[in-house]
Structures are given as C-alpha cells and as structure tokens.
Amino acid sequence: MCSIPSITVEELHALWHNGNNICLIDVREPDEHAQASIEGSILVPLSSLPSRIDEWPKDQEIFVHCKAGGRSARAVQYLQDHGFTHVTNVTGGMDAWIQQGFPVVT
C-alpha cells in the first residue's frame, strides 16, 4: 500500500493560477459540482472513476479533490493501485478552497 501524497488548497491555488498545466479531478457528485466548482476541474464522480481511468496517462500529474478530502483520498489510493505514479490528494477539498476565499464557478 502506497502513502497518499497531499497538497493544501493554498499550494494548489498557487500551482493552478500560476499557469501550471495540471489535471484537477473533482470526485464529488454532479449536484455538489453544480453548487460550486474550481474552474477547469474535471468532474469524475468517485463511483465513475473505474470506468474513466483510461482517460489519463499513468505518469501524468493529477490532483484530486472532493468536498473535504475523504473521497479524494480514496480516489488517489485507487489510482495508485492502478499504476498512477503522480497523483495527489487536495487536503480539505472544496470546503477549504471556499474557506480561503479562492474563486469558484457557480
């Protein structure tokens, strides 16, 4: 079992808004995503992750977030178990993102 790498929302915001080309996957449900999302994130509800796993190269840098960090940690573990080598959990998820006052799409 691999450890789950994590990044704070502050670190993600700096990467995301400084022009870094990263893949940000949102594993929340569509109704949660519709309420608030991070611009450019890709909605892939946790339950649909297995059917969409072939959409990304296994060596691509991927960040995963959810509402608070639990589902995204499970998604990171799943991706690691399937050979992904650069996948990172966003600690605190959308709750922390919104709490910091970072921009969202509604």
PDB file of N, CA and C in Angstrom:
ATOM      1  N   MET A   1       0.843  -1.190   0.000  1.00  0.00           N
ATOM      2  CA  MET A   1       0.000   0.000   0.000  1.00  0.00           C
ATOM      3  C   MET A   1       0.883   1.246   0.000  1.00  0.00           C
ATOM      4  N   CYS A   2       0.603   2.150  -0.903  1.00  0.00           N
ATOM      5  CA  CYS A   2       1.379   3.382  -1.024  1.00  0.00           C
ATOM      6  C   CYS A   2       0.821   4.443  -0.079  1.00  0.00           C
ATOM      7  N   SER A   3       1.672   5.368   0.303  1.00  0.00           N
ATOM      8  CA  SER A   3       1.169   6.507   1.073  1.00  0.00           C
ATOM      9  C   SER A   3       0.422   7.441   0.122  1.00  0.00           C
ATOM     10  N   ILE A   4      -0.436   8.257   0.696  1.00  0.00           N
ATOM     11  CA  ILE A   4      -1.227   9.168  -0.120  1.00  0.00           C
ATOM     12  C   ILE A   4      -0.613  10.563  -0.054  1.00  0.00           C
ATOM     13  N   PRO A   5       0.021  11.009  -1.140  1.00  0.00           N
ATOM     14  CA  PRO A   5       0.582  12.358  -1.154  1.00  0.00           C
ATOM     15  C   PRO A   5      -0.539  13.391  -1.086  1.00  0.00           C
ATOM     16  N   SER A   6      -0.275  14.488  -0.408  1.00  0.00           N
ATOM     17  CA  SER A   6      -1.278  15.534  -0.236  1.00  0.00           C
ATOM     18  C   SER A   6      -0.701  16.903  -0.551  1.00  0.00           C
ATOM     19  N   ILE A   7      -1.601  17.797  -0.876  1.00  0.00           N
ATOM     20  CA  ILE A   7      -1.262  19.189  -1.129  1.00  0.00           C
ATOM     21  C   ILE A   7      -2.354  20.025  -0.466  1.00  0.00           C
ATOM     22  N   THR A   8      -1.995  21.189   0.036  1.00  0.00           N
ATOM     23  CA  THR A   8      -3.003  22.080   0.613  1.00  0.00           C
ATOM     24  C   THR A   8      -3.705  22.850  -0.499  1.00  0.00           C
ATOM     25  N   VAL A   9      -4.839  23.435  -0.169  1.00  0.00           N
ATOM     26  CA  VAL A   9      -5.531  24.253  -1.175  1.00  0.00           C
ATOM     27  C   VAL A   9      -4.703  25.480  -1.533  1.00  0.00           C
ATOM     28  N   GLU A  10      -3.937  25.991  -0.584  1.00  0.00           N
ATOM     29  CA  GLU A  10      -3.075  27.146  -0.876  1.00  0.00           C
ATOM     30  C   GLU A  10      -2.006  26.771  -1.895  1.00  0.00           C
ATOM     31  N   GLU A  11      -1.410  25.589  -1.733  1.00  0.00           N
ATOM     32  CA  GLU A  11      -0.398  25.126  -2.690  1.00  0.00           C
ATOM     33  C   GLU A  11      -1.024  24.867  -4.061  1.00  0.00           C
ATOM     34  N   LEU A  12      -2.214  24.258  -4.054  1.00  0.00           N
ATOM     35  CA  LEU A  12      -2.906  24.015  -5.321  1.00  0.00           C
ATOM     36  C   LEU A  12      -3.248  25.324  -6.018  1.00  0.00           C
ATOM     37  N   HIS A  13      -3.751  26.288  -5.265  1.00  0.00           N
ATOM     38  CA  HIS A  13      -4.104  27.586  -5.843  1.00  0.00           C
ATOM     39  C   HIS A  13      -2.891  28.226  -6.511  1.00  0.00           C
ATOM     40  N   ALA A  14      -1.757  28.164  -5.852  1.00  0.00           N
ATOM     41  CA  ALA A  14      -0.533  28.737  -6.423  1.00  0.00           C
ATOM     42  C   ALA A  14      -0.156  28.025  -7.722  1.00  0.00           C
ATOM     43  N   LEU A  15      -0.217  26.703  -7.738  1.00  0.00           N
ATOM     44  CA  LEU A  15       0.093  25.960  -8.961  1.00  0.00           C
ATOM     45  C   LEU A  15      -0.912  26.253 -10.062  1.00  0.00           C
ATOM     46  N   TRP A  16      -2.167  26.178  -9.707  1.00  0.00           N
ATOM     47  CA  TRP A  16      -3.271  26.310 -10.655  1.00  0.00           C
ATOM     48  C   TRP A  16      -3.306  27.684 -11.308  1.00  0.00           C
ATOM     49  N   HIS A  17      -3.056  28.707 -10.527  1.00  0.00           N
ATOM     50  CA  HIS A  17      -3.192  30.064 -11.038  1.00  0.00           C
ATOM     51  C   HIS A  17      -1.870  30.704 -11.468  1.00  0.00           C
ATOM     52  N   ASN A  18      -0.804  29.930 -11.476  1.00  0.00           N
ATOM     53  CA  ASN A  18       0.479  30.420 -11.995  1.00  0.00           C
ATOM     54  C   ASN A  18       0.797  29.796 -13.344  1.00  0.00           C
ATOM     55  N   GLY A  19      -0.234  29.288 -14.012  1.00  0.00           N
ATOM     56  CA  GLY A  19      -0.051  28.789 -15.368  1.00  0.00           C
ATOM     57  C   GLY A  19       0.471  27.372 -15.475  1.00  0.00           C
ATOM     58  N   ASN A  20       0.540  26.652 -14.367  1.00  0.00           N
ATOM     59  CA  ASN A  20       0.977  25.261 -14.444  1.00  0.00           C
ATOM     60  C   ASN A  20      -0.111  24.426 -15.109  1.00  0.00           C
ATOM     61  N   ASN A  21       0.296  23.582 -16.038  1.00  0.00           N
ATOM     62  CA  ASN A  21      -0.641  22.727 -16.750  1.00  0.00           C
ATOM     63  C   ASN A  21      -0.839  21.454 -15.943  1.00  0.00           C
ATOM     64  N   ILE A  22      -1.862  21.457 -15.096  1.00  0.00           N
ATOM     65  CA  ILE A  22      -2.125  20.295 -14.259  1.00  0.00           C
ATOM     66  C   ILE A  22      -3.528  19.769 -14.526  1.00  0.00           C
ATOM     67  N   CYS A  23      -3.736  18.539 -14.162  1.00  0.00           N
ATOM     68  CA  CYS A  23      -5.041  17.909 -14.268  1.00  0.00           C
ATOM     69  C   CYS A  23      -5.661  17.903 -12.876  1.00  0.00           C
ATOM     70  N   LEU A  24      -6.831  18.513 -12.739  1.00  0.00           N
ATOM     71  CA  LEU A  24      -7.535  18.580 -11.462  1.00  0.00           C
ATOM     72  C   LEU A  24      -8.856  17.846 -11.610  1.00  0.00           C
ATOM     73  N   ILE A  25      -8.982  16.730 -10.895  1.00  0.00           N
ATOM     74  CA  ILE A  25     -10.182  15.905 -10.957  1.00  0.00           C
ATOM     75  C   ILE A  25     -11.021  16.142  -9.703  1.00  0.00           C
ATOM     76  N   ASP A  26     -12.298  16.407  -9.920  1.00  0.00           N
ATOM     77  CA  ASP A  26     -13.279  16.625  -8.855  1.00  0.00           C
ATOM     78  C   ASP A  26     -14.112  15.351  -8.751  1.00  0.00           C
ATOM     79  N   VAL A  27     -14.002  14.625  -7.627  1.00  0.00           N
ATOM     80  CA  VAL A  27     -14.716  13.355  -7.483  1.00  0.00           C
ATOM     81  C   VAL A  27     -16.034  13.490  -6.729  1.00  0.00           C
ATOM     82  N   ARG A  28     -16.536  14.724  -6.610  1.00  0.00           N
ATOM     83  CA  ARG A  28     -17.840  14.918  -5.977  1.00  0.00           C
ATOM     84  C   ARG A  28     -18.959  14.514  -6.940  1.00  0.00           C
ATOM     85  N   GLU A  29     -20.181  14.577  -6.451  1.00  0.00           N
ATOM     86  CA  GLU A  29     -21.350  14.266  -7.264  1.00  0.00           C
ATOM     87  C   GLU A  29     -21.762  15.496  -8.085  1.00  0.00           C
ATOM     88  N   PRO A  30     -22.500  15.280  -9.185  1.00  0.00           N
ATOM     89  CA  PRO A  30     -22.890  16.400 -10.045  1.00  0.00           C
ATOM     90  C   PRO A  30     -23.620  17.526  -9.322  1.00  0.00           C
ATOM     91  N   ASP A  31     -24.480  17.212  -8.359  1.00  0.00           N
ATOM     92  CA  ASP A  31     -25.198  18.268  -7.649  1.00  0.00           C
ATOM     93  C   ASP A  31     -24.251  19.117  -6.808  1.00  0.00           C
ATOM     94  N   GLU A  32     -23.228  18.505  -6.232  1.00  0.00           N
ATOM     95  CA  GLU A  32     -22.227  19.260  -5.469  1.00  0.00           C
ATOM     96  C   GLU A  32     -21.417  20.151  -6.401  1.00  0.00           C
ATOM     97  N   HIS A  33     -21.019  19.600  -7.536  1.00  0.00           N
ATOM     98  CA  HIS A  33     -20.230  20.327  -8.529  1.00  0.00           C
ATOM     99  C   HIS A  33     -21.004  21.531  -9.061  1.00  0.00           C
ATOM    100  N   ALA A  34     -22.325  21.367  -9.232  1.00  0.00           N
ATOM    101  CA  ALA A  34     -23.158  22.455  -9.751  1.00  0.00           C
ATOM    102  C   ALA A  34     -23.251  23.625  -8.772  1.00  0.00           C
ATOM    103  N   GLN A  35     -23.115  23.352  -7.481  1.00  0.00           N
ATOM    104  CA  GLN A  35     -23.190  24.414  -6.474  1.00  0.00           C
ATOM    105  C   GLN A  35     -21.950  25.288  -6.481  1.00  0.00           C
ATOM    106  N   ALA A  36     -20.783  24.671  -6.654  1.00  0.00           N
ATOM    107  CA  ALA A  36     -19.514  25.403  -6.698  1.00  0.00           C
ATOM    108  C   ALA A  36     -18.437  24.463  -7.213  1.00  0.00           C
ATOM    109  N   SER A  37     -17.617  24.969  -8.112  1.00  0.00           N
ATOM    110  CA  SER A  37     -16.515  24.162  -8.633  1.00  0.00           C
ATOM    111  C   SER A  37     -15.310  25.052  -8.907  1.00  0.00           C
ATOM    112  N   ILE A  38     -14.181  24.412  -9.081  1.00  0.00           N
ATOM    113  CA  ILE A  38     -12.954  25.118  -9.433  1.00  0.00           C
ATOM    114  C   ILE A  38     -12.883  25.148 -10.958  1.00  0.00           C
ATOM    115  N   GLU A  39     -12.749  26.346 -11.503  1.00  0.00           N
ATOM    116  CA  GLU A  39     -12.717  26.497 -12.955  1.00  0.00           C
ATOM    117  C   GLU A  39     -11.647  25.593 -13.567  1.00  0.00           C
ATOM    118  N   GLY A  40     -12.041  24.834 -14.567  1.00  0.00           N
ATOM    119  CA  GLY A  40     -11.113  23.952 -15.267  1.00  0.00           C
ATOM    120  C   GLY A  40     -11.004  22.558 -14.688  1.00  0.00           C
ATOM    121  N   SER A  41     -11.627  22.329 -13.534  1.00  0.00           N
ATOM    122  CA  SER A  41     -11.572  20.981 -12.961  1.00  0.00           C
ATOM    123  C   SER A  41     -12.458  20.047 -13.786  1.00  0.00           C
ATOM    124  N   ILE A  42     -12.150  18.759 -13.716  1.00  0.00           N
ATOM    125  CA  ILE A  42     -12.868  17.741 -14.469  1.00  0.00           C
ATOM    126  C   ILE A  42     -13.736  16.957 -13.489  1.00  0.00           C
ATOM    127  N   LEU A  43     -15.044  16.959 -13.713  1.00  0.00           N
ATOM    128  CA  LEU A  43     -15.945  16.216 -12.836  1.00  0.00           C
ATOM    129  C   LEU A  43     -15.913  14.734 -13.195  1.00  0.00           C
ATOM    130  N   VAL A  44     -15.487  13.934 -12.233  1.00  0.00           N
ATOM    131  CA  VAL A  44     -15.480  12.481 -12.364  1.00  0.00           C
ATOM    132  C   VAL A  44     -15.942  11.925 -11.014  1.00  0.00           C
ATOM    133  N   PRO A  45     -17.264  11.783 -10.818  1.00  0.00           N
ATOM    134  CA  PRO A  45     -17.732  11.264  -9.535  1.00  0.00           C
ATOM    135  C   PRO A  45     -16.990   9.977  -9.157  1.00  0.00           C
ATOM    136  N   LEU A  46     -16.710   9.822  -7.880  1.00  0.00           N
ATOM    137  CA  LEU A  46     -15.921   8.683  -7.409  1.00  0.00           C
ATOM    138  C   LEU A  46     -16.447   7.365  -7.961  1.00  0.00           C
ATOM    139  N   SER A  47     -17.753   7.207  -8.011  1.00  0.00           N
ATOM    140  CA  SER A  47     -18.332   5.947  -8.488  1.00  0.00           C
ATOM    141  C   SER A  47     -18.044   5.682  -9.968  1.00  0.00           C
ATOM    142  N   SER A  48     -17.756   6.720 -10.737  1.00  0.00           N
ATOM    143  CA  SER A  48     -17.486   6.528 -12.167  1.00  0.00           C
ATOM    144  C   SER A  48     -15.994   6.488 -12.483  1.00  0.00           C
ATOM    145  N   LEU A  49     -15.145   6.649 -11.483  1.00  0.00           N
ATOM    146  CA  LEU A  49     -13.695   6.654 -11.720  1.00  0.00           C
ATOM    147  C   LEU A  49     -13.205   5.375 -12.403  1.00  0.00           C
ATOM    148  N   PRO A  50     -13.647   4.182 -11.975  1.00  0.00           N
ATOM    149  CA  PRO A  50     -13.154   2.973 -12.653  1.00  0.00           C
ATOM    150  C   PRO A  50     -13.445   2.945 -14.149  1.00  0.00           C
ATOM    151  N   SER A  51     -14.582   3.462 -14.572  1.00  0.00           N
ATOM    152  CA  SER A  51     -14.916   3.421 -16.000  1.00  0.00           C
ATOM    153  C   SER A  51     -14.207   4.513 -16.804  1.00  0.00           C
ATOM    154  N   ARG A  52     -13.588   5.467 -16.124  1.00  0.00           N
ATOM    155  CA  ARG A  52     -12.928   6.574 -16.833  1.00  0.00           C
ATOM    156  C   ARG A  52     -11.410   6.583 -16.648  1.00  0.00           C
ATOM    157  N   ILE A  53     -10.889   5.571 -15.996  1.00  0.00           N
ATOM    158  CA  ILE A  53      -9.474   5.545 -15.617  1.00  0.00           C
ATOM    159  C   ILE A  53      -8.521   5.611 -16.820  1.00  0.00           C
ATOM    160  N   ASP A  54      -8.974   5.194 -17.975  1.00  0.00           N
ATOM    161  CA  ASP A  54      -8.112   5.203 -19.163  1.00  0.00           C
ATOM    162  C   ASP A  54      -8.013   6.568 -19.829  1.00  0.00           C
ATOM    163  N   GLU A  55      -8.649   7.596 -19.258  1.00  0.00           N
ATOM    164  CA  GLU A  55      -8.624   8.930 -19.854  1.00  0.00           C
ATOM    165  C   GLU A  55      -7.310   9.674 -19.615  1.00  0.00           C
ATOM    166  N   TRP A  56      -6.492   9.190 -18.679  1.00  0.00           N
ATOM    167  CA  TRP A  56      -5.270   9.907 -18.325  1.00  0.00           C
ATOM    168  C   TRP A  56      -4.074   8.980 -18.384  1.00  0.00           C
ATOM    169  N   PRO A  57      -2.928   9.503 -18.843  1.00  0.00           N
ATOM    170  CA  PRO A  57      -1.704   8.696 -18.811  1.00  0.00           C
ATOM    171  C   PRO A  57      -1.301   8.424 -17.357  1.00  0.00           C
ATOM    172  N   LYS A  58      -0.755   7.266 -17.120  1.00  0.00           N
ATOM    173  CA  LYS A  58      -0.412   6.875 -15.745  1.00  0.00           C
ATOM    174  C   LYS A  58       0.715   7.707 -15.149  1.00  0.00           C
ATOM    175  N   ASP A  59       1.473   8.420 -15.979  1.00  0.00           N
ATOM    176  CA  ASP A  59       2.565   9.246 -15.455  1.00  0.00           C
ATOM    177  C   ASP A  59       2.208  10.736 -15.435  1.00  0.00           C
ATOM    178  N   GLN A  60       0.950  11.077 -15.754  1.00  0.00           N
ATOM    179  CA  GLN A  60       0.520  12.482 -15.725  1.00  0.00           C
ATOM    180  C   GLN A  60       0.375  12.946 -14.279  1.00  0.00           C
ATOM    181  N   GLU A  61       0.700  14.214 -14.040  1.00  0.00           N
ATOM    182  CA  GLU A  61       0.493  14.786 -12.717  1.00  0.00           C
ATOM    183  C   GLU A  61      -0.986  15.098 -12.552  1.00  0.00           C
ATOM    184  N   ILE A  62      -1.603  14.472 -11.547  1.00  0.00           N
ATOM    185  CA  ILE A  62      -3.036  14.598 -11.317  1.00  0.00           C
ATOM    186  C   ILE A  62      -3.270  14.995  -9.866  1.00  0.00           C
ATOM    187  N   PHE A  63      -4.156  15.967  -9.668  1.00  0.00           N
ATOM    188  CA  PHE A  63      -4.592  16.370  -8.337  1.00  0.00           C
ATOM    189  C   PHE A  63      -6.071  16.022  -8.236  1.00  0.00           C
ATOM    190  N   VAL A  64      -6.483  15.509  -7.069  1.00  0.00           N
ATOM    191  CA  VAL A  64      -7.861  15.063  -6.888  1.00  0.00           C
ATOM    192  C   VAL A  64      -8.451  15.768  -5.681  1.00  0.00           C
ATOM    193  N   HIS A  65      -9.676  16.295  -5.856  1.00  0.00           N
ATOM    194  CA  HIS A  65     -10.350  16.931  -4.720  1.00  0.00           C
ATOM    195  C   HIS A  65     -11.792  16.493  -4.640  1.00  0.00           C
ATOM    196  N   CYS A  66     -12.379  16.682  -3.459  1.00  0.00           N
ATOM    197  CA  CYS A  66     -13.799  16.414  -3.227  1.00  0.00           C
ATOM    198  C   CYS A  66     -14.302  17.518  -2.307  1.00  0.00           C
ATOM    199  N   LYS A  67     -15.267  17.232  -1.458  1.00  0.00           N
ATOM    200  CA  LYS A  67     -15.801  18.247  -0.560  1.00  0.00           C
ATOM    201  C   LYS A  67     -14.834  18.547   0.578  1.00  0.00           C
ATOM    202  N   ALA A  68     -14.323  17.481   1.233  1.00  0.00           N
ATOM    203  CA  ALA A  68     -13.475  17.690   2.407  1.00  0.00           C
ATOM    204  C   ALA A  68     -12.180  16.886   2.405  1.00  0.00           C
ATOM    205  N   GLY A  69     -12.020  15.954   1.493  1.00  0.00           N
ATOM    206  CA  GLY A  69     -10.771  15.204   1.390  1.00  0.00           C
ATOM    207  C   GLY A  69     -10.879  13.701   1.521  1.00  0.00           C
ATOM    208  N   GLY A  70     -12.007  13.191   1.985  1.00  0.00           N
ATOM    209  CA  GLY A  70     -12.155  11.745   2.172  1.00  0.00           C
ATOM    210  C   GLY A  70     -12.297  10.977   0.869  1.00  0.00           C
ATOM    211  N   ARG A  71     -13.228  11.390   0.038  1.00  0.00           N
ATOM    212  CA  ARG A  71     -13.425  10.698  -1.244  1.00  0.00           C
ATOM    213  C   ARG A  71     -12.210  10.847  -2.144  1.00  0.00           C
ATOM    214  N   SER A  72     -11.604  12.017  -2.116  1.00  0.00           N
ATOM    215  CA  SER A  72     -10.435  12.218  -2.976  1.00  0.00           C
ATOM    216  C   SER A  72      -9.271  11.344  -2.519  1.00  0.00           C
ATOM    217  N   ALA A  73      -9.129  11.130  -1.220  1.00  0.00           N
ATOM    218  CA  ALA A  73      -8.077  10.230  -0.721  1.00  0.00           C
ATOM    219  C   ALA A  73      -8.326   8.810  -1.229  1.00  0.00           C
ATOM    220  N   ARG A  74      -9.591   8.381  -1.225  1.00  0.00           N
ATOM    221  CA  ARG A  74      -9.924   7.049  -1.754  1.00  0.00           C
ATOM    222  C   ARG A  74      -9.631   6.981  -3.253  1.00  0.00           C
ATOM    223  N   ALA A  75      -9.930   8.067  -3.971  1.00  0.00           N
ATOM    224  CA  ALA A  75      -9.658   8.104  -5.412  1.00  0.00           C
ATOM    225  C   ALA A  75      -8.161   8.033  -5.686  1.00  0.00           C
ATOM    226  N   VAL A  76      -7.372   8.771  -4.902  1.00  0.00           N
ATOM    227  CA  VAL A  76      -5.915   8.734  -5.068  1.00  0.00           C
ATOM    228  C   VAL A  76      -5.408   7.313  -4.836  1.00  0.00           C
ATOM    229  N   GLN A  77      -5.889   6.673  -3.784  1.00  0.00           N
ATOM    230  CA  GLN A  77      -5.470   5.299  -3.493  1.00  0.00           C
ATOM    231  C   GLN A  77      -5.841   4.373  -4.647  1.00  0.00           C
ATOM    232  N   TYR A  78      -7.043   4.533  -5.182  1.00  0.00           N
ATOM    233  CA  TYR A  78      -7.488   3.711  -6.310  1.00  0.00           C
ATOM    234  C   TYR A  78      -6.571   3.916  -7.521  1.00  0.00           C
ATOM    235  N   LEU A  79      -6.281   5.163  -7.839  1.00  0.00           N
ATOM    236  CA  LEU A  79      -5.412   5.454  -8.977  1.00  0.00           C
ATOM    237  C   LEU A  79      -4.013   4.888  -8.759  1.00  0.00           C
ATOM    238  N   GLN A  80      -3.481   5.038  -7.544  1.00  0.00           N
ATOM    239  CA  GLN A  80      -2.170   4.460  -7.244  1.00  0.00           C
ATOM    240  C   GLN A  80      -2.194   2.943  -7.424  1.00  0.00           C
ATOM    241  N   ASP A  81      -3.253   2.312  -6.942  1.00  0.00           N
ATOM    242  CA  ASP A  81      -3.379   0.853  -7.054  1.00  0.00           C
ATOM    243  C   ASP A  81      -3.441   0.401  -8.510  1.00  0.00           C
ATOM    244  N   HIS A  82      -3.790   1.333  -9.401  1.00  0.00           N
ATOM    245  CA  HIS A  82      -3.880   1.008 -10.823  1.00  0.00           C
ATOM    246  C   HIS A  82      -2.732   1.615 -11.635  1.00  0.00           C
ATOM    247  N   GLY A  83      -1.629   1.892 -10.965  1.00  0.00           N
ATOM    248  CA  GLY A  83      -0.398   2.253 -11.657  1.00  0.00           C
ATOM    249  C   GLY A  83      -0.115   3.715 -11.860  1.00  0.00           C
ATOM    250  N   PHE A  84      -0.956   4.602 -11.343  1.00  0.00           N
ATOM    251  CA  PHE A  84      -0.687   6.028 -11.483  1.00  0.00           C
ATOM    252  C   PHE A  84       0.418   6.420 -10.501  1.00  0.00           C
ATOM    253  N   THR A  85       1.384   7.183 -10.988  1.00  0.00           N
ATOM    254  CA  THR A  85       2.576   7.468 -10.183  1.00  0.00           C
ATOM    255  C   THR A  85       2.680   8.900  -9.680  1.00  0.00           C
ATOM    256  N   HIS A  86       1.873   9.812 -10.198  1.00  0.00           N
ATOM    257  CA  HIS A  86       1.947  11.225  -9.794  1.00  0.00           C
ATOM    258  C   HIS A  86       0.554  11.754  -9.485  1.00  0.00           C
ATOM    259  N   VAL A  87      -0.069  11.189  -8.488  1.00  0.00           N
ATOM    260  CA  VAL A  87      -1.425  11.577  -8.129  1.00  0.00           C
ATOM    261  C   VAL A  87      -1.433  12.059  -6.678  1.00  0.00           C
ATOM    262  N   THR A  88      -2.116  13.193  -6.444  1.00  0.00           N
ATOM    263  CA  THR A  88      -2.042  13.885  -5.151  1.00  0.00           C
ATOM    264  C   THR A  88      -3.435  14.275  -4.668  1.00  0.00           C
ATOM    265  N   ASN A  89      -3.681  14.063  -3.382  1.00  0.00           N
ATOM    266  CA  ASN A  89      -4.937  14.447  -2.744  1.00  0.00           C
ATOM    267  C   ASN A  89      -4.882  15.918  -2.332  1.00  0.00           C
ATOM    268  N   VAL A  90      -6.003  16.623  -2.528  1.00  0.00           N
ATOM    269  CA  VAL A  90      -6.116  18.015  -2.081  1.00  0.00           C
ATOM    270  C   VAL A  90      -6.759  18.004  -0.694  1.00  0.00           C
ATOM    271  N   THR A  91      -5.961  18.287   0.316  1.00  0.00           N
ATOM    272  CA  THR A  91      -6.421  18.269   1.699  1.00  0.00           C
ATOM    273  C   THR A  91      -7.491  19.338   1.928  1.00  0.00           C
ATOM    274  N   GLY A  92      -8.602  18.925   2.508  1.00  0.00           N
ATOM    275  CA  GLY A  92      -9.670  19.869   2.838  1.00  0.00           C
ATOM    276  C   GLY A  92     -10.657  20.124   1.726  1.00  0.00           C
ATOM    277  N   GLY A  93     -10.317  19.780   0.492  1.00  0.00           N
ATOM    278  CA  GLY A  93     -11.225  19.866  -0.641  1.00  0.00           C
ATOM    279  C   GLY A  93     -11.870  21.226  -0.849  1.00  0.00           C
ATOM    280  N   MET A  94     -13.085  21.180  -1.388  1.00  0.00           N
ATOM    281  CA  MET A  94     -13.814  22.421  -1.692  1.00  0.00           C
ATOM    282  C   MET A  94     -14.118  23.224  -0.435  1.00  0.00           C
ATOM    283  N   ASP A  95     -14.365  22.543   0.673  1.00  0.00           N
ATOM    284  CA  ASP A  95     -14.621  23.279   1.916  1.00  0.00           C
ATOM    285  C   ASP A  95     -13.456  24.217   2.227  1.00  0.00           C
ATOM    286  N   ALA A  96     -12.231  23.691   2.155  1.00  0.00           N
ATOM    287  CA  ALA A  96     -11.042  24.508   2.443  1.00  0.00           C
ATOM    288  C   ALA A  96     -10.828  25.562   1.361  1.00  0.00           C
ATOM    289  N   TRP A  97     -11.071  25.203   0.098  1.00  0.00           N
ATOM    290  CA  TRP A  97     -10.918  26.143  -1.022  1.00  0.00           C
ATOM    291  C   TRP A  97     -11.819  27.362  -0.814  1.00  0.00           C
ATOM    292  N   ILE A  98     -13.084  27.096  -0.499  1.00  0.00           N
ATOM    293  CA  ILE A  98     -14.053  28.178  -0.286  1.00  0.00           C
ATOM    294  C   ILE A  98     -13.703  28.972   0.968  1.00  0.00           C
ATOM    295  N   GLN A  99     -13.285  28.276   2.019  1.00  0.00           N
ATOM    296  CA  GLN A  99     -12.916  28.951   3.272  1.00  0.00           C
ATOM    297  C   GLN A  99     -11.765  29.936   3.046  1.00  0.00           C
ATOM    298  N   GLN A 100     -10.863  29.628   2.141  1.00  0.00           N
ATOM    299  CA  GLN A 100      -9.751  30.526   1.834  1.00  0.00           C
ATOM    300  C   GLN A 100     -10.177  31.678   0.928  1.00  0.00           C
ATOM    301  N   GLY A 101     -11.382  31.632   0.420  1.00  0.00           N
ATOM    302  CA  GLY A 101     -11.877  32.704  -0.435  1.00  0.00           C
ATOM    303  C   GLY A 101     -11.405  32.613  -1.871  1.00  0.00           C
ATOM    304  N   PHE A 102     -10.926  31.440  -2.282  1.00  0.00           N
ATOM    305  CA  PHE A 102     -10.475  31.261  -3.665  1.00  0.00           C
ATOM    306  C   PHE A 102     -11.689  31.228  -4.592  1.00  0.00           C
ATOM    307  N   PRO A 103     -11.521  31.628  -5.850  1.00  0.00           N
ATOM    308  CA  PRO A 103     -12.661  31.736  -6.764  1.00  0.00           C
ATOM    309  C   PRO A 103     -13.280  30.377  -7.104  1.00  0.00           C
ATOM    310  N   VAL A 104     -14.598  30.407  -7.269  1.00  0.00           N
ATOM    311  CA  VAL A 104     -15.333  29.214  -7.677  1.00  0.00           C
ATOM    312  C   VAL A 104     -16.286  29.590  -8.813  1.00  0.00           C
ATOM    313  N   VAL A 105     -16.684  28.578  -9.545  1.00  0.00           N
ATOM    314  CA  VAL A 105     -17.691  28.727 -10.580  1.00  0.00           C
ATOM    315  C   VAL A 105     -18.993  28.217  -9.978  1.00  0.00           C
ATOM    316  N   THR A 106     -20.056  29.003 -10.105  1.00  0.00           N
ATOM    317  CA  THR A 106     -21.357  28.580  -9.574  1.00  0.00           C
ATOM    318  C   THR A 106     -22.382  28.497 -10.669  1.00  0.00           C
TER     319      THR A 106
END
